Amino acid sequence: VPDTSRIMVSIGLGLFAEFTLKEALEFIDVKCGSLQKRADELGQEAAQISSNIEVVLKGIQELMALPDPEPESSRRQFL
């Protein structure tokens, strides 16, 4: 490489940009911060989904333990 004052950096979606070393380091810092923020958001979203699943499973368990309010023989047959 004849000139090392500028480097190519992948900026996403298969695109590259030419930066000086200082610009590349600044870009990387911003990109890392952005990715960390998104990872934190996804972690919170995953925790909320997990909590929702636990609530639904608990509800299903409670419903399965309830006695049938109407005996099967007294139900109307619609077919």
Protein backbone atom coordinates (compact mmCIF):
# COMPACT_ATOMS: atom_id res chain seq x y z
CA VAL A 1 0.00 0.00 0.00
CA PRO A 2 1.78 3.14 -1.16
CA ASP A 3 -0.22 5.72 0.86
CA THR A 4 -1.31 4.81 4.38
CA SER A 5 -2.60 8.27 5.30
CA ARG A 6 -6.11 7.27 4.24
CA ILE A 7 -7.94 4.00 4.88
CA MET A 8 -11.15 2.42 3.64
CA VAL A 9 -13.75 1.69 6.31
CA SER A 10 -16.88 -0.40 5.89
CA ILE A 11 -19.84 1.82 6.77
CA GLY A 12 -22.51 -0.84 6.28
CA LEU A 13 -24.64 -2.29 3.51
CA GLY A 14 -21.49 -3.22 1.59
CA LEU A 15 -20.43 0.41 1.30
CA PHE A 16 -16.97 1.73 2.10
CA ALA A 17 -15.75 5.25 2.82
CA GLU A 18 -12.26 6.64 2.68
CA PHE A 19 -11.14 8.24 5.94
CA THR A 20 -8.01 9.58 7.50
CA LEU A 21 -6.94 7.58 10.53
CA LYS A 22 -8.37 10.26 12.86
CA GLU A 23 -11.70 10.33 10.97
CA ALA A 24 -11.86 6.53 11.00
CA LEU A 25 -11.36 6.40 14.75
CA GLU A 26 -14.07 9.04 15.27
CA PHE A 27 -16.44 7.11 12.98
CA ILE A 28 -15.73 3.87 14.84
CA ASP A 29 -16.43 5.54 18.21
CA VAL A 30 -19.77 6.89 16.96
CA LYS A 31 -20.67 3.57 15.33
CA CYS A 32 -19.80 1.61 18.51
CA GLY A 33 -21.96 3.97 20.58
CA SER A 34 -24.85 3.57 18.16
CA LEU A 35 -24.55 -0.22 18.15
CA GLN A 36 -24.33 -0.34 21.95
CA LYS A 37 -27.46 1.79 22.27
CA ARG A 38 -29.34 -0.50 19.86
CA ALA A 39 -28.11 -3.60 21.73
CA ASP A 40 -29.38 -2.10 25.00
CA GLU A 41 -32.77 -1.35 23.42
CA LEU A 42 -33.04 -4.90 22.08
CA GLY A 43 -32.05 -6.30 25.48
CA GLN A 44 -34.84 -4.33 27.14
CA GLU A 45 -37.29 -5.44 24.46
CA ALA A 46 -36.26 -9.09 24.96
CA ALA A 47 -36.74 -8.75 28.72
CA GLN A 48 -40.24 -7.31 28.19
CA ILE A 49 -41.16 -10.14 25.80
CA SER A 50 -39.85 -12.70 28.27
CA SER A 51 -41.95 -11.11 31.01
CA ASN A 52 -45.04 -11.18 28.78
CA ILE A 53 -44.47 -14.86 28.01
CA GLU A 54 -44.24 -15.65 31.73
CA VAL A 55 -47.54 -13.83 32.37
CA VAL A 56 -49.28 -15.70 29.55
CA LEU A 57 -47.91 -19.07 30.70
CA LYS A 58 -49.06 -18.36 34.25
CA GLY A 59 -52.52 -17.47 32.91
CA ILE A 60 -52.68 -20.67 30.88
CA GLN A 61 -51.68 -22.70 33.95
CA GLU A 62 -54.43 -21.04 35.98
CA LEU A 63 -57.00 -21.68 33.23
CA MET A 64 -56.01 -25.33 32.99
CA ALA A 65 -56.54 -25.77 36.72
CA LEU A 66 -60.10 -24.34 36.65
CA PRO A 67 -62.92 -26.86 36.78
CA ASP A 68 -65.14 -27.06 33.70
CA PRO A 69 -68.19 -24.86 34.52
CA GLU A 70 -70.51 -26.87 32.27
CA PRO A 71 -70.43 -30.67 32.03
CA GLU A 72 -69.74 -31.95 28.54
CA SER A 73 -73.06 -33.82 28.35
CA SER A 74 -75.05 -30.59 28.79
CA ARG A 75 -73.22 -28.69 26.03
CA ARG A 76 -75.07 -28.15 22.81
CA GLN A 77 -73.77 -29.90 19.75
CA PHE A 78 -73.57 -27.53 16.78
CA LEU A 79 -72.56 -30.06 14.13
